[in-house]
N, C-alpha and C. Protein backbone atom coordinates (compact mmCIF):
# COMPACT_ATOMS: atom_id res chain seq x y z
N UNK A 1 0.88 -1.33 -0.08
CA UNK A 1 -0.06 -0.01 0.09
C UNK A 1 0.73 1.19 -0.13
N UNK A 2 2.09 1.11 0.47
CA UNK A 2 2.92 2.44 0.43
C UNK A 2 3.09 3.02 -0.70
N UNK A 3 3.23 2.31 -1.99
CA UNK A 3 3.36 2.79 -3.04
C UNK A 3 2.30 3.62 -3.67
N UNK A 4 1.05 3.10 -3.32
CA UNK A 4 -0.09 3.71 -3.69
C UNK A 4 -0.24 4.97 -2.89
N UNK A 5 0.02 4.96 -1.69
CA UNK A 5 -0.08 6.28 -0.81
C UNK A 5 0.92 7.17 -1.60
N UNK A 6 2.00 6.84 -1.83
CA UNK A 6 3.17 7.72 -2.52
C UNK A 6 2.46 8.31 -3.66
N UNK A 7 1.99 7.46 -4.53
CA UNK A 7 1.31 8.23 -6.03
C UNK A 7 0.16 9.19 -5.55
N UNK A 8 -0.64 8.73 -4.62
CA UNK A 8 -1.73 9.66 -4.21
C UNK A 8 -1.22 10.85 -3.76
N UNK A 9 -0.31 11.00 -3.02
CA UNK A 9 0.44 12.20 -2.54
C UNK A 9 0.83 12.86 -3.50
N UNK A 10 1.40 12.33 -4.58
CA UNK A 10 2.11 12.97 -5.58
C UNK A 10 1.00 13.73 -6.44
N UNK A 11 0.13 13.09 -6.85
CA UNK A 11 -1.04 13.43 -7.69
C UNK A 11 -1.73 14.60 -6.94
N UNK A 12 -2.12 14.65 -5.60
CA UNK A 12 -2.77 15.60 -5.21
C UNK A 12 -1.89 16.82 -4.58
N UNK A 13 -0.54 16.58 -4.65
CA UNK A 13 0.32 17.86 -4.40
C UNK A 13 0.79 18.60 -5.36
N UNK A 14 0.44 18.26 -6.69
CA UNK A 14 0.82 18.95 -7.97
C UNK A 14 -0.42 19.15 -8.61
N UNK A 15 -0.70 20.44 -8.98
CA UNK A 15 -1.90 20.78 -9.89
C UNK A 15 -1.63 20.17 -11.23
N UNK A 16 -0.59 19.99 -11.89
CA UNK A 16 -0.29 19.37 -13.30
C UNK A 16 0.81 18.39 -12.91
N UNK A 17 0.35 17.20 -13.40
CA UNK A 17 1.65 16.19 -13.11
C UNK A 17 1.51 15.16 -14.17
N UNK A 18 2.79 15.02 -14.87
CA UNK A 18 2.90 14.03 -15.95
C UNK A 18 3.72 12.93 -15.58
N UNK A 19 3.20 11.78 -15.27
CA UNK A 19 3.99 10.40 -15.34
C UNK A 19 4.51 9.90 -16.78
N UNK A 20 5.59 9.83 -16.89
CA UNK A 20 6.33 9.66 -18.32
C UNK A 20 7.51 9.05 -18.13
N UNK A 21 8.00 8.55 -19.31
CA UNK A 21 9.36 7.80 -19.56
C UNK A 21 10.30 8.93 -19.75
N UNK A 22 11.29 9.11 -18.75
CA UNK A 22 12.40 9.94 -19.03
C UNK A 22 12.00 11.41 -18.22
N UNK A 23 12.44 12.44 -18.91
CA UNK A 23 11.98 13.89 -18.57
C UNK A 23 11.60 14.74 -19.83
N UNK A 24 10.80 15.91 -19.45
CA UNK A 24 10.80 16.83 -20.68
C UNK A 24 11.91 17.11 -21.56
N UNK A 25 13.10 17.08 -21.05
CA UNK A 25 14.24 17.57 -21.75
C UNK A 25 14.74 16.39 -22.46
N UNK A 26 14.60 15.11 -21.77
CA UNK A 26 15.33 14.09 -22.48
C UNK A 26 14.44 12.66 -22.38
N UNK A 27 13.17 12.95 -23.04
CA UNK A 27 11.99 11.94 -22.90
C UNK A 27 12.61 10.55 -23.62
N UNK A 28 12.12 9.31 -23.22
CA UNK A 28 12.86 8.16 -23.26
C UNK A 28 11.78 7.25 -24.29
N UNK A 29 10.71 7.76 -24.74
CA UNK A 29 9.76 7.27 -25.63
C UNK A 29 8.98 8.41 -26.54
N UNK A 30 8.54 7.91 -27.77
CA UNK A 30 7.82 9.03 -28.54
C UNK A 30 6.66 9.50 -28.15
N UNK A 31 5.81 8.68 -27.13
CA UNK A 31 4.52 9.13 -26.74
C UNK A 31 4.79 10.18 -25.47
N UNK A 32 5.99 9.78 -24.47
CA UNK A 32 6.18 10.71 -23.56
C UNK A 32 6.63 11.99 -24.14
N UNK A 33 7.50 11.98 -25.17
CA UNK A 33 7.98 13.18 -25.97
C UNK A 33 6.82 14.05 -26.48
N UNK A 34 5.76 13.58 -26.86
CA UNK A 34 4.65 14.25 -27.59
C UNK A 34 3.83 14.76 -26.47
N UNK A 35 3.71 14.07 -25.52
CA UNK A 35 2.91 14.65 -24.27
C UNK A 35 3.43 15.78 -23.74
N UNK A 36 4.79 15.65 -23.43
CA UNK A 36 5.62 16.80 -22.61
C UNK A 36 5.45 17.91 -23.47
N UNK A 37 5.59 17.77 -24.88
CA UNK A 37 5.71 19.01 -25.86
C UNK A 37 4.40 19.44 -25.74
N UNK A 38 3.36 18.78 -25.88
CA UNK A 38 1.96 19.34 -25.80
C UNK A 38 1.69 20.18 -24.68
N UNK A 39 2.18 19.66 -23.50
CA UNK A 39 2.13 20.61 -22.11
C UNK A 39 2.76 21.71 -22.19
N UNK A 40 4.22 21.52 -22.82
CA UNK A 40 5.05 22.75 -22.97
C UNK A 40 4.47 23.78 -23.83
N UNK A 41 3.60 23.46 -24.75
CA UNK A 41 3.02 24.30 -25.54
C UNK A 41 2.00 25.03 -25.06
N UNK A 42 1.34 24.39 -24.01
CA UNK A 42 0.47 25.25 -23.21
C UNK A 42 0.97 26.34 -22.49
N UNK A 43 2.43 26.48 -22.22
CA UNK A 43 2.88 27.68 -21.45
C UNK A 43 3.02 27.64 -20.24
N UNK A 44 2.59 26.63 -19.48
CA UNK A 44 2.71 26.54 -17.85
C UNK A 44 3.57 25.65 -17.63
N UNK A 45 4.00 25.90 -16.09
CA UNK A 45 5.03 24.86 -15.64
C UNK A 45 4.06 23.70 -15.14
N UNK A 46 4.89 22.31 -15.18
CA UNK A 46 4.26 21.25 -14.68
C UNK A 46 5.12 20.43 -13.98
N UNK A 47 4.64 19.53 -13.41
CA UNK A 47 5.71 18.46 -12.58
C UNK A 47 5.73 17.29 -13.46
N UNK A 48 6.75 16.65 -13.23
CA UNK A 48 6.84 15.16 -14.03
C UNK A 48 7.39 14.10 -13.03
N UNK A 49 7.09 12.92 -13.31
CA UNK A 49 7.87 11.96 -12.71
C UNK A 49 8.31 10.87 -13.81
N UNK A 50 9.65 10.44 -13.70
CA UNK A 50 10.13 9.51 -14.50
C UNK A 50 9.97 8.32 -13.99
N UNK A 51 8.86 7.33 -14.75
CA UNK A 51 8.54 6.11 -14.28
C UNK A 51 9.74 5.13 -14.38
N UNK A 52 10.68 5.33 -15.07
CA UNK A 52 11.78 4.53 -15.59
C UNK A 52 12.86 4.48 -14.48
N UNK A 53 13.19 5.63 -13.62
CA UNK A 53 13.80 5.52 -12.51
C UNK A 53 13.05 5.33 -11.15
N UNK A 54 11.73 5.19 -11.42
CA UNK A 54 10.97 4.82 -10.27
C UNK A 54 10.03 3.48 -10.45
N UNK A 55 10.77 2.31 -10.70
CA UNK A 55 9.87 0.93 -11.26
C UNK A 55 8.85 0.63 -10.19
N UNK A 56 8.88 1.04 -8.82
CA UNK A 56 7.64 0.69 -8.15
C UNK A 56 6.28 1.53 -8.43
N UNK A 57 6.69 2.73 -8.80
CA UNK A 57 5.42 3.68 -9.50
C UNK A 57 5.22 2.97 -10.86
N UNK A 58 6.21 2.84 -11.41
CA UNK A 58 5.67 2.20 -13.02
C UNK A 58 4.77 1.18 -12.72
N UNK A 59 5.11 0.19 -11.79
CA UNK A 59 4.45 -0.87 -11.73
C UNK A 59 2.92 -0.75 -11.10
N UNK A 60 2.93 0.22 -10.36
CA UNK A 60 1.67 0.54 -9.49
C UNK A 60 0.71 1.58 -9.97
N UNK A 61 1.10 2.40 -10.84
CA UNK A 61 0.41 3.60 -11.32
C UNK A 61 -0.69 3.15 -11.94
N UNK A 62 -0.68 2.07 -12.97
CA UNK A 62 -1.76 1.51 -13.49
C UNK A 62 -3.05 0.99 -12.70
N UNK A 63 -2.62 0.41 -11.50
CA UNK A 63 -3.65 0.10 -10.50
C UNK A 63 -4.21 1.29 -10.13
N UNK A 64 -3.47 2.28 -9.76
CA UNK A 64 -4.21 3.54 -8.82
C UNK A 64 -4.97 4.21 -10.10
N UNK A 65 -4.51 4.36 -11.24
CA UNK A 65 -5.13 5.21 -12.23
C UNK A 65 -6.45 4.33 -13.11
N UNK A 66 -6.28 3.10 -13.07
CA UNK A 66 -7.01 2.44 -13.96
C UNK A 66 -6.71 2.53 -15.32
N UNK A 67 -5.47 2.93 -15.72
CA UNK A 67 -5.12 3.15 -17.01
C UNK A 67 -3.91 2.41 -17.38
N UNK A 68 -3.70 1.81 -18.39
CA UNK A 68 -2.61 0.63 -18.49
C UNK A 68 -1.23 1.38 -19.15
N UNK A 69 -1.54 2.44 -19.75
CA UNK A 69 -0.32 2.75 -20.69
C UNK A 69 0.26 4.23 -19.90
N UNK A 70 1.66 4.61 -20.57
CA UNK A 70 2.33 5.71 -20.09
C UNK A 70 2.63 6.47 -21.33
N UNK A 71 2.39 7.91 -21.36
CA UNK A 71 2.34 8.71 -20.39
C UNK A 71 0.97 8.82 -19.43
N UNK A 72 0.97 9.38 -18.44
CA UNK A 72 -0.24 9.56 -17.89
C UNK A 72 -0.52 11.17 -17.19
N UNK A 73 -1.35 11.80 -17.64
CA UNK A 73 -1.48 13.38 -17.17
C UNK A 73 -2.44 13.31 -16.09
N UNK A 74 -2.28 13.99 -15.04
CA UNK A 74 -3.14 14.37 -13.90
C UNK A 74 -3.27 15.86 -13.89
N UNK A 75 -4.44 16.46 -13.70
CA UNK A 75 -4.89 17.65 -13.59
C UNK A 75 -5.65 17.84 -12.33
N UNK A 76 -5.05 18.50 -11.47
CA UNK A 76 -5.85 18.71 -10.11
C UNK A 76 -6.45 17.44 -9.70
N UNK A 77 -5.56 16.45 -9.39
CA UNK A 77 -5.80 15.20 -8.70
C UNK A 77 -6.84 14.23 -9.69
N UNK A 78 -6.96 14.44 -10.97
CA UNK A 78 -7.71 13.73 -11.87
C UNK A 78 -7.00 13.46 -13.13
N UNK A 79 -7.41 12.09 -13.41
CA UNK A 79 -6.62 11.58 -14.54
C UNK A 79 -7.16 12.15 -15.87
N UNK A 80 -6.33 12.96 -16.62
CA UNK A 80 -6.80 13.30 -17.86
C UNK A 80 -6.92 12.20 -18.97
N UNK A 81 -5.58 11.69 -19.02
CA UNK A 81 -5.48 10.45 -20.09
C UNK A 81 -4.04 10.43 -20.37
N UNK A 82 -3.83 9.76 -21.55
CA UNK A 82 -2.57 9.48 -22.02
C UNK A 82 -2.19 10.37 -23.50
N UNK A 83 -1.17 9.64 -23.97
CA UNK A 83 -0.63 10.81 -25.15
C UNK A 83 -1.85 11.14 -26.12
N UNK A 84 -2.69 10.23 -26.51
CA UNK A 84 -3.64 10.35 -27.55
C UNK A 84 -4.63 11.47 -27.19
N UNK A 85 -5.16 11.29 -25.99
CA UNK A 85 -6.29 12.04 -25.30
C UNK A 85 -5.52 13.67 -25.31
N UNK A 86 -4.43 13.55 -24.77
CA UNK A 86 -3.87 14.69 -24.34
C UNK A 86 -3.79 15.57 -25.59
N UNK A 87 -3.21 14.96 -26.76
CA UNK A 87 -2.89 15.66 -28.17
C UNK A 87 -4.21 16.10 -28.47
N UNK A 88 -5.12 15.11 -28.53
CA UNK A 88 -6.58 15.49 -29.19
C UNK A 88 -7.01 16.63 -28.46
N UNK A 89 -7.02 16.94 -27.02
CA UNK A 89 -7.43 17.67 -26.48
C UNK A 89 -6.65 18.99 -26.58
N UNK A 90 -5.58 18.98 -26.77
CA UNK A 90 -4.88 20.16 -27.14
C UNK A 90 -5.13 20.78 -28.59
N UNK A 91 -5.37 19.98 -29.59
CA UNK A 91 -5.94 20.25 -30.73
C UNK A 91 -7.36 20.85 -30.82
N UNK A 92 -8.06 20.55 -30.20
CA UNK A 92 -9.33 21.11 -29.87
C UNK A 92 -9.61 22.24 -29.12
N UNK A 93 -8.56 22.60 -28.72
CA UNK A 93 -8.45 23.74 -27.68
C UNK A 93 -8.93 23.39 -26.22
N UNK A 94 -9.14 22.23 -25.75
CA UNK A 94 -9.84 21.76 -24.49
C UNK A 94 -8.72 21.94 -23.43
N UNK A 95 -7.39 21.59 -23.84
CA UNK A 95 -6.39 21.27 -22.81
C UNK A 95 -5.98 22.65 -22.19
N UNK A 96 -5.63 23.65 -23.28
CA UNK A 96 -5.28 24.86 -22.59
C UNK A 96 -5.64 25.56 -21.68
N UNK A 97 -7.09 25.70 -21.71
CA UNK A 97 -7.71 26.33 -20.35
C UNK A 97 -7.55 25.51 -19.24
N UNK A 98 -7.63 24.25 -19.16
CA UNK A 98 -7.58 23.31 -18.20
C UNK A 98 -6.07 23.72 -17.29
N UNK A 99 -5.22 23.48 -18.27
CA UNK A 99 -3.82 23.89 -17.81
C UNK A 99 -3.65 25.09 -17.20
N UNK A 100 -4.11 26.22 -17.98
CA UNK A 100 -3.74 27.57 -17.35
C UNK A 100 -4.55 27.61 -15.95
N UNK A 101 -5.99 27.17 -16.02
CA UNK A 101 -6.62 27.35 -14.61
C UNK A 101 -5.99 26.62 -13.70
N UNK A 102 -5.50 25.38 -13.95
CA UNK A 102 -4.68 24.56 -12.82
C UNK A 102 -3.35 25.26 -12.26
N UNK A 103 -2.78 25.65 -13.29
CA UNK A 103 -1.45 26.47 -13.20
C UNK A 103 -1.55 27.73 -12.16
N UNK A 104 -2.98 28.34 -12.44
CA UNK A 104 -3.15 29.65 -11.53
C UNK A 104 -3.52 29.09 -10.16
N UNK A 105 -3.68 27.98 -9.88
CA UNK A 105 -3.84 27.59 -8.45
C UNK A 105 -2.53 27.77 -7.52
N UNK A 106 -1.26 27.76 -8.35
CA UNK A 106 -0.16 28.13 -7.64
C UNK A 106 0.48 26.83 -7.00
N UNK A 107 -0.07 25.62 -7.50
CA UNK A 107 0.57 24.52 -6.97
C UNK A 107 1.47 23.65 -7.89
N UNK A 108 1.47 24.15 -9.02
CA UNK A 108 2.30 23.43 -10.03
C UNK A 108 3.76 23.56 -9.76
N UNK A 109 4.62 22.43 -9.83
CA UNK A 109 6.06 22.51 -9.60
C UNK A 109 6.81 21.96 -10.76
N UNK A 110 7.92 22.18 -10.96
CA UNK A 110 8.82 21.56 -12.02
C UNK A 110 9.37 20.26 -11.74
């Protein structure tokens, strides 16, 4: 249960949190690269967790979120989705206001 509690704390303590492979500066897969680029294009700071350097989080996050793949974006404690959903929401204009509003909460960290 410890790892699930750690994930819950991470999700709740960051207004915008991306679980990804690698970092925004050095993504380790194409989907993580695309998701982080979309978030950066929204113009707000966001937190990220590299699941490759956190194998327990990588193993348990799908149980926590009920989402099997990575990356995973959480905004205000709620799962938004993975790469395809994030990209579609950005292209339709839905993601930017969500990110800006969450960033305005003053909780987003890098």
